[in-house]
Amino acid sequence: MNGSRQPDDASSPGLPGLVGRWGFSWQGLRDNRRGEWWLIAQLLLITAHLLPATPPPAALGLLWPPALSLLGWATLALGLLLAAQAFLHLGASLTPLPEPMPGAPLITGGAYGRCRHPLYQAILISSLGLTLALGSLLHLALLLGLAVVLSSKARREERRLIEIHPGYVAYRAGTAAIVPGVPGLDWR
């Protein structure tokens, strides 16, 4: 197989076709041409959320308040709902890579009227919820790692969006990046 060829035909149905339309390639995994390494880092951090609370609050001599745990589970549920909303608004323009889909329109309404990267916002809200629910220092570190990775991934994506969509600069000036008013997560 040629290293620059996409793994599957982009016109084929199902997952292979979708992966091809997103622009995944073996070469991209080697040289990060479409931001594949950012996606891998994101997926590793999200998957690590499946680990148990480490250390558990009891190991630190803490009795984790049930109300805080309940608030955390509710925050996680909110994050998942916000992610579903963002998925629906993005539609066929959705790609997990920080490289915009060729020919995709600029989406500025719905969830994208609240912030420029509502999927990243939803991931961070979900991570915060799990951190609160479990009272875990490990999950707090994962949340902070996700904030760094998603902020960097979003900045890479925005460089391309500015090149592709003339209206992106105005949209960026008036809409928060990921979390309004939070340094590192809101640049305008």
Protein backbone atom coordinates (compact mmCIF):
# COMPACT_ATOMS: atom_id res chain seq x y z
CA MET A 1 0.00 0.00 0.00
CA ASN A 2 1.29 3.45 -0.89
CA GLY A 3 2.03 5.42 2.32
CA SER A 4 0.20 8.53 1.14
CA ARG A 5 -2.95 6.69 0.10
CA GLN A 6 -5.96 6.81 2.37
CA PRO A 7 -6.63 3.52 4.16
CA ASP A 8 -9.94 2.97 2.39
CA ASP A 9 -11.86 4.41 -0.51
CA ALA A 10 -13.56 7.62 0.62
CA SER A 11 -16.58 6.79 -1.52
CA SER A 12 -17.21 3.38 0.05
CA PRO A 13 -20.11 3.03 2.49
CA GLY A 14 -19.85 2.63 6.24
CA LEU A 15 -16.92 3.24 8.52
CA PRO A 16 -14.17 2.76 5.89
CA GLY A 17 -15.75 5.43 3.68
CA LEU A 18 -16.21 7.78 6.61
CA VAL A 19 -12.59 7.37 7.71
CA GLY A 20 -11.49 8.10 4.16
CA ARG A 21 -13.67 11.22 3.92
CA TRP A 22 -12.14 12.47 7.18
CA GLY A 23 -8.74 12.28 5.52
CA PHE A 24 -7.03 9.65 7.64
CA SER A 25 -3.94 8.15 6.03
CA TRP A 26 -1.02 6.01 7.11
CA GLN A 27 1.30 8.87 6.15
CA GLY A 28 -0.69 11.25 8.34
CA LEU A 29 -0.21 8.96 11.32
CA ARG A 30 3.53 9.18 10.68
CA ASP A 31 3.85 12.92 10.02
CA ASN A 32 0.74 14.50 11.62
CA ARG A 33 -0.23 16.20 8.36
CA ARG A 34 -3.91 16.62 9.31
CA GLY A 35 -3.44 16.78 13.09
CA GLU A 36 -3.69 13.05 13.72
CA TRP A 37 -1.40 13.24 16.76
CA TRP A 38 -3.74 15.72 18.47
CA LEU A 39 -6.61 13.28 17.94
CA ILE A 40 -4.57 10.38 19.32
CA ALA A 41 -3.66 12.40 22.43
CA GLN A 42 -7.32 13.38 22.87
CA LEU A 43 -8.51 9.78 22.56
CA LEU A 44 -5.89 8.49 24.99
CA LEU A 45 -6.88 11.08 27.60
CA ILE A 46 -10.59 10.37 27.14
CA THR A 47 -10.03 6.61 27.39
CA ALA A 48 -7.97 7.09 30.55
CA HIS A 49 -11.13 8.44 32.19
CA LEU A 50 -12.24 4.79 32.45
CA LEU A 51 -9.58 4.25 35.13
CA PRO A 52 -10.78 4.15 38.74
CA ALA A 53 -10.40 7.11 41.08
CA THR A 54 -6.73 7.36 41.96
CA PRO A 55 -6.13 7.91 44.73
CA PRO A 56 -9.61 7.34 46.07
CA PRO A 57 -10.68 10.13 48.42
CA ALA A 58 -10.73 7.69 51.35
CA ALA A 59 -7.01 7.00 50.83
CA LEU A 60 -6.42 10.70 51.48
CA GLY A 61 -8.54 10.59 54.62
CA LEU A 62 -11.44 12.33 52.87
CA LEU A 63 -15.09 11.41 52.90
CA TRP A 64 -16.22 12.59 49.45
CA PRO A 65 -19.52 14.47 49.88
CA PRO A 66 -22.41 12.63 48.21
CA ALA A 67 -23.82 15.98 47.04
CA LEU A 68 -20.57 16.74 45.22
CA SER A 69 -20.60 13.28 43.66
CA LEU A 70 -24.21 13.78 42.54
CA LEU A 71 -23.33 17.19 41.11
CA GLY A 72 -20.49 15.53 39.22
CA TRP A 73 -22.74 12.88 37.65
CA ALA A 74 -25.22 15.61 36.65
CA THR A 75 -22.37 17.65 35.12
CA LEU A 76 -21.20 14.57 33.19
CA ALA A 77 -24.74 14.08 31.85
CA LEU A 78 -24.89 17.76 30.84
CA GLY A 79 -21.59 17.40 28.98
CA LEU A 80 -22.91 14.39 27.08
CA LEU A 81 -26.09 16.27 26.12
CA LEU A 82 -24.07 19.26 24.93
CA ALA A 83 -21.88 16.93 22.86
CA ALA A 84 -24.97 15.44 21.19
CA GLN A 85 -26.24 18.95 20.43
CA ALA A 86 -22.92 19.95 18.86
CA PHE A 87 -22.78 16.74 16.79
CA LEU A 88 -26.25 17.45 15.42
CA HIS A 89 -25.46 21.05 14.50
CA LEU A 90 -22.20 20.16 12.75
CA GLY A 91 -23.77 17.36 10.70
CA ALA A 92 -21.77 16.28 7.65
CA SER A 93 -19.05 18.81 8.47
CA LEU A 94 -18.00 16.69 11.46
CA THR A 95 -14.44 15.39 11.50
CA PRO A 96 -12.37 14.27 14.50
CA LEU A 97 -9.26 15.78 12.94
CA PRO A 98 -8.38 19.46 13.33
CA GLU A 99 -8.45 19.78 9.55
CA PRO A 100 -11.82 21.06 8.28
CA MET A 101 -13.76 18.87 5.85
CA PRO A 102 -13.22 20.01 2.25
CA GLY A 103 -16.12 22.13 1.05
CA ALA A 104 -17.81 22.19 4.47
CA PRO A 105 -19.74 25.37 5.29
CA LEU A 106 -18.86 27.50 8.29
CA ILE A 107 -21.31 26.63 11.08
CA THR A 108 -21.97 29.55 13.44
CA GLY A 109 -25.47 28.84 14.75
CA GLY A 110 -26.90 26.55 17.40
CA ALA A 111 -24.22 25.16 19.68
CA TYR A 112 -21.64 27.02 17.56
CA GLY A 113 -23.26 30.32 18.52
CA ARG A 114 -22.35 29.61 22.17
CA CYS A 115 -18.68 28.88 21.47
CA ARG A 116 -16.51 28.05 18.47
CA HIS A 117 -15.64 24.55 19.70
CA PRO A 118 -18.70 23.19 21.54
CA LEU A 119 -17.57 19.55 21.20
CA TYR A 120 -14.36 20.39 23.03
CA GLN A 121 -16.38 22.31 25.61
CA ALA A 122 -18.64 19.28 26.07
CA ILE A 123 -15.65 16.97 26.52
CA LEU A 124 -14.21 19.28 29.20
CA ILE A 125 -17.57 19.55 30.99
CA SER A 126 -17.91 15.76 30.94
CA SER A 127 -14.37 15.36 32.30
CA LEU A 128 -15.07 17.92 35.03
CA GLY A 129 -18.23 16.01 35.93
CA LEU A 130 -16.39 12.72 36.28
CA THR A 131 -13.65 14.41 38.31
CA LEU A 132 -16.25 15.79 40.72
CA ALA A 133 -18.20 12.53 40.84
CA LEU A 134 -15.13 10.46 41.74
CA GLY A 135 -13.09 12.98 43.72
CA SER A 136 -10.02 11.73 41.87
CA LEU A 137 -6.69 13.52 41.51
CA LEU A 138 -5.94 11.34 38.47
CA HIS A 139 -9.11 12.56 36.78
CA LEU A 140 -8.26 16.16 37.66
CA ALA A 141 -4.91 15.67 35.91
CA LEU A 142 -6.72 14.15 32.90
CA LEU A 143 -9.05 17.17 32.79
CA LEU A 144 -6.08 19.56 32.78
CA GLY A 145 -4.36 17.46 30.10
CA LEU A 146 -7.50 17.54 27.97
CA ALA A 147 -7.69 21.31 28.34
CA VAL A 148 -4.15 21.67 26.97
CA VAL A 149 -4.65 19.18 24.13
CA LEU A 150 -8.07 20.51 23.06
CA SER A 151 -6.90 24.13 23.20
CA SER A 152 -3.89 23.29 21.02
CA LYS A 153 -6.00 21.22 18.64
CA ALA A 154 -8.54 24.04 18.33
CA ARG A 155 -5.83 26.60 17.57
CA ARG A 156 -4.48 24.39 14.79
CA GLU A 157 -7.98 23.97 13.38
CA GLU A 158 -8.63 27.70 13.48
CA ARG A 159 -5.54 28.49 11.42
CA ARG A 160 -7.10 26.45 8.60
CA LEU A 161 -10.60 27.85 9.15
CA ILE A 162 -9.24 31.38 8.72
CA GLU A 163 -7.65 30.36 5.40
CA ILE A 164 -10.82 28.63 4.15
CA HIS A 165 -13.64 30.86 5.45
CA PRO A 166 -13.33 34.66 5.07
CA GLY A 167 -16.06 35.15 7.71
CA TYR A 168 -14.20 33.18 10.36
CA VAL A 169 -12.22 36.17 11.67
CA ALA A 170 -15.43 38.08 12.50
CA TYR A 171 -17.01 34.95 14.02
CA ARG A 172 -13.89 34.40 16.13
CA ALA A 173 -13.90 38.01 17.34
CA GLY A 174 -17.43 37.75 18.71
CA THR A 175 -17.62 34.15 19.95
CA ALA A 176 -15.75 32.44 22.79
CA ALA A 177 -13.32 29.69 21.81
CA ILE A 178 -14.04 26.82 24.23
CA VAL A 179 -14.91 28.20 27.68
CA PRO A 180 -15.81 31.92 27.82
CA GLY A 181 -13.45 34.05 29.87
CA VAL A 182 -11.08 31.23 30.87
CA PRO A 183 -7.45 32.01 29.96
CA GLY A 184 -6.09 29.42 27.55
CA LEU A 185 -9.60 28.30 26.63
CA ASP A 186 -10.88 31.59 25.22
CA TRP A 187 -8.85 33.56 22.70
CA ARG A 188 -10.41 36.09 20.40
